[in-house]
Structures are given as structure tokens and as C-alpha cells.
Amino acid sequence: MSTTRKIAIGLGVAGGALLAAWLLTGDRKKKTKDFVAKRANDFKKAFAKDTDVEDPDVHYV
């Protein structure tokens, strides 16, 4: 791996860590947690499969 790529990856990781630290400090902490929790629940609902509902049309091959 080249030096440039290592530096770019290091800066990306460090930037992400700084952003996370900034979002989780002070009065932003509760807002950030609420936002992440809401988005996670929306994501779960979007990809949840309903096992109780059966397909009324049966498709035979």
C-alpha cells in the first residue's frame, strides 16, 4: 500500500473520530442519539419481513 493511500485512510479515520467526538459531546449528545435511534428504527422497519402475511397469489414455475 502506498504512503499516499495510508495517509488518506488515516485522515479519513481521524476525521470520522473527530466528528463522532464532536457530535457526542455537550448538548448535541441527546440530539445525536435520538437521531441515530430514529434512523435505525426506520431502517429496521424498511427491511423487516412480515412473516404473518402470506402471498395470496401462488406462483408456480
N, C-alpha and C. Protein backbone atom coordinates (compact mmCIF):
# COMPACT_ATOMS: atom_id res chain seq x y z
N MET A 1 0.85 -1.16 0.00
CA MET A 1 0.00 0.00 0.00
C MET A 1 0.90 1.24 0.00
N SER A 2 0.58 2.19 -0.84
CA SER A 2 1.43 3.37 -0.96
C SER A 2 1.25 4.30 0.23
N THR A 3 2.22 5.16 0.41
CA THR A 3 2.20 6.11 1.53
C THR A 3 1.02 7.06 1.40
N THR A 4 0.72 7.50 0.20
CA THR A 4 -0.40 8.42 -0.02
C THR A 4 -1.72 7.79 0.41
N ARG A 5 -1.89 6.53 0.05
CA ARG A 5 -3.13 5.83 0.42
C ARG A 5 -3.23 5.66 1.94
N LYS A 6 -2.13 5.36 2.58
CA LYS A 6 -2.12 5.22 4.04
C LYS A 6 -2.47 6.54 4.72
N ILE A 7 -1.92 7.63 4.20
CA ILE A 7 -2.21 8.95 4.77
C ILE A 7 -3.69 9.31 4.57
N ALA A 8 -4.22 9.02 3.38
CA ALA A 8 -5.62 9.31 3.10
C ALA A 8 -6.55 8.51 4.01
N ILE A 9 -6.25 7.24 4.21
CA ILE A 9 -7.07 6.41 5.10
C ILE A 9 -6.96 6.91 6.54
N GLY A 10 -5.76 7.26 6.97
CA GLY A 10 -5.57 7.79 8.31
C GLY A 10 -6.32 9.08 8.55
N LEU A 11 -6.30 9.98 7.56
CA LEU A 11 -7.04 11.24 7.69
C LEU A 11 -8.55 10.99 7.73
N GLY A 12 -9.01 10.03 6.94
CA GLY A 12 -10.44 9.70 6.95
C GLY A 12 -10.89 9.15 8.28
N VAL A 13 -10.11 8.25 8.84
CA VAL A 13 -10.44 7.67 10.15
C VAL A 13 -10.37 8.73 11.25
N ALA A 14 -9.34 9.56 11.20
CA ALA A 14 -9.20 10.62 12.21
C ALA A 14 -10.34 11.63 12.09
N GLY A 15 -10.73 11.97 10.88
CA GLY A 15 -11.84 12.89 10.68
C GLY A 15 -13.15 12.33 11.20
N GLY A 16 -13.37 11.06 10.95
CA GLY A 16 -14.58 10.41 11.46
C GLY A 16 -14.60 10.36 12.97
N ALA A 17 -13.44 10.11 13.57
CA ALA A 17 -13.37 10.08 15.03
C ALA A 17 -13.61 11.46 15.62
N LEU A 18 -13.07 12.49 14.99
CA LEU A 18 -13.32 13.85 15.47
C LEU A 18 -14.78 14.25 15.33
N LEU A 19 -15.40 13.87 14.22
CA LEU A 19 -16.83 14.17 14.04
C LEU A 19 -17.67 13.46 15.08
N ALA A 20 -17.39 12.19 15.34
CA ALA A 20 -18.14 11.44 16.34
C ALA A 20 -17.94 12.04 17.73
N ALA A 21 -16.72 12.45 18.04
CA ALA A 21 -16.46 13.06 19.34
C ALA A 21 -17.21 14.37 19.47
N TRP A 22 -17.25 15.17 18.41
CA TRP A 22 -17.95 16.45 18.46
C TRP A 22 -19.45 16.24 18.61
N LEU A 23 -20.00 15.26 17.87
CA LEU A 23 -21.45 15.01 17.93
C LEU A 23 -21.89 14.45 19.28
N LEU A 24 -20.99 13.76 19.97
CA LEU A 24 -21.37 13.11 21.22
C LEU A 24 -20.92 13.88 22.46
N THR A 25 -20.64 15.16 22.32
CA THR A 25 -20.26 15.97 23.47
C THR A 25 -21.27 17.09 23.66
N GLY A 26 -21.41 17.52 24.88
CA GLY A 26 -22.26 18.67 25.19
C GLY A 26 -23.73 18.40 24.94
N ASP A 27 -24.44 19.45 24.54
CA ASP A 27 -25.89 19.34 24.36
C ASP A 27 -26.25 18.62 23.07
N ARG A 28 -25.29 18.35 22.19
CA ARG A 28 -25.56 17.63 20.95
C ARG A 28 -25.71 16.13 21.19
N LYS A 29 -25.29 15.65 22.35
CA LYS A 29 -25.30 14.21 22.62
C LYS A 29 -26.70 13.61 22.54
N LYS A 30 -27.67 14.22 23.21
CA LYS A 30 -29.03 13.70 23.22
C LYS A 30 -29.66 13.78 21.83
N LYS A 31 -29.45 14.90 21.14
CA LYS A 31 -30.00 15.05 19.80
C LYS A 31 -29.41 14.01 18.84
N THR A 32 -28.12 13.77 18.95
CA THR A 32 -27.46 12.79 18.09
C THR A 32 -27.97 11.39 18.37
N LYS A 33 -28.09 11.03 19.64
CA LYS A 33 -28.59 9.70 19.99
C LYS A 33 -30.02 9.50 19.51
N ASP A 34 -30.87 10.52 19.67
CA ASP A 34 -32.25 10.42 19.20
C ASP A 34 -32.31 10.27 17.68
N PHE A 35 -31.49 11.04 16.98
CA PHE A 35 -31.46 10.97 15.52
C PHE A 35 -31.02 9.58 15.05
N VAL A 36 -29.96 9.05 15.62
CA VAL A 36 -29.44 7.74 15.22
C VAL A 36 -30.45 6.65 15.54
N ALA A 37 -31.08 6.73 16.70
CA ALA A 37 -32.07 5.71 17.09
C ALA A 37 -33.27 5.74 16.15
N LYS A 38 -33.73 6.93 15.79
CA LYS A 38 -34.88 7.05 14.89
C LYS A 38 -34.54 6.48 13.51
N ARG A 39 -33.37 6.82 13.00
CA ARG A 39 -32.97 6.31 11.68
C ARG A 39 -32.78 4.79 11.71
N ALA A 40 -32.27 4.26 12.81
CA ALA A 40 -32.09 2.81 12.92
C ALA A 40 -33.44 2.10 12.92
N ASN A 41 -34.41 2.65 13.64
CA ASN A 41 -35.74 2.06 13.66
C ASN A 41 -36.40 2.13 12.28
N ASP A 42 -36.24 3.26 11.59
CA ASP A 42 -36.78 3.38 10.23
C ASP A 42 -36.14 2.36 9.31
N PHE A 43 -34.85 2.17 9.47
CA PHE A 43 -34.11 1.21 8.64
C PHE A 43 -34.60 -0.22 8.91
N LYS A 44 -34.80 -0.55 10.18
CA LYS A 44 -35.29 -1.88 10.53
C LYS A 44 -36.68 -2.12 9.95
N LYS A 45 -37.55 -1.12 10.05
CA LYS A 45 -38.91 -1.26 9.52
C LYS A 45 -38.91 -1.42 8.01
N ALA A 46 -38.00 -0.73 7.34
CA ALA A 46 -37.95 -0.79 5.88
C ALA A 46 -37.54 -2.17 5.39
N PHE A 47 -36.70 -2.87 6.14
CA PHE A 47 -36.21 -4.16 5.69
C PHE A 47 -36.78 -5.34 6.46
N ALA A 48 -37.75 -5.09 7.32
CA ALA A 48 -38.37 -6.18 8.08
C ALA A 48 -39.30 -6.96 7.16
N LYS A 49 -39.27 -8.25 7.33
CA LYS A 49 -40.16 -9.11 6.54
C LYS A 49 -41.35 -9.48 7.40
N ASP A 50 -42.53 -9.35 6.81
CA ASP A 50 -43.75 -9.75 7.51
C ASP A 50 -43.95 -11.24 7.30
N THR A 51 -43.79 -12.02 8.36
CA THR A 51 -43.95 -13.47 8.24
C THR A 51 -45.40 -13.89 8.42
N ASP A 52 -46.23 -13.01 8.98
CA ASP A 52 -47.63 -13.36 9.21
C ASP A 52 -48.47 -13.23 7.94
N VAL A 53 -48.04 -12.37 7.04
CA VAL A 53 -48.81 -12.12 5.83
C VAL A 53 -48.35 -13.09 4.75
N GLU A 54 -49.32 -13.83 4.21
CA GLU A 54 -48.99 -14.77 3.14
C GLU A 54 -49.33 -14.15 1.80
N ASP A 55 -48.61 -14.53 0.78
CA ASP A 55 -48.86 -14.04 -0.56
C ASP A 55 -50.14 -14.69 -1.08
N PRO A 56 -51.15 -13.90 -1.44
CA PRO A 56 -52.41 -14.51 -1.89
C PRO A 56 -52.26 -15.19 -3.26
N ASP A 57 -51.29 -14.77 -4.06
CA ASP A 57 -51.09 -15.38 -5.36
C ASP A 57 -49.92 -16.37 -5.25
N VAL A 58 -50.19 -17.60 -5.61
CA VAL A 58 -49.16 -18.61 -5.60
C VAL A 58 -48.56 -18.68 -6.99
N HIS A 59 -47.25 -18.62 -7.05
CA HIS A 59 -46.57 -18.64 -8.33
C HIS A 59 -45.86 -19.98 -8.50
N TYR A 60 -46.28 -20.71 -9.53
CA TYR A 60 -45.67 -22.00 -9.82
C TYR A 60 -44.77 -21.83 -11.03
N VAL A 61 -43.66 -22.54 -11.01
CA VAL A 61 -42.74 -22.48 -12.14
C VAL A 61 -42.92 -23.72 -12.98
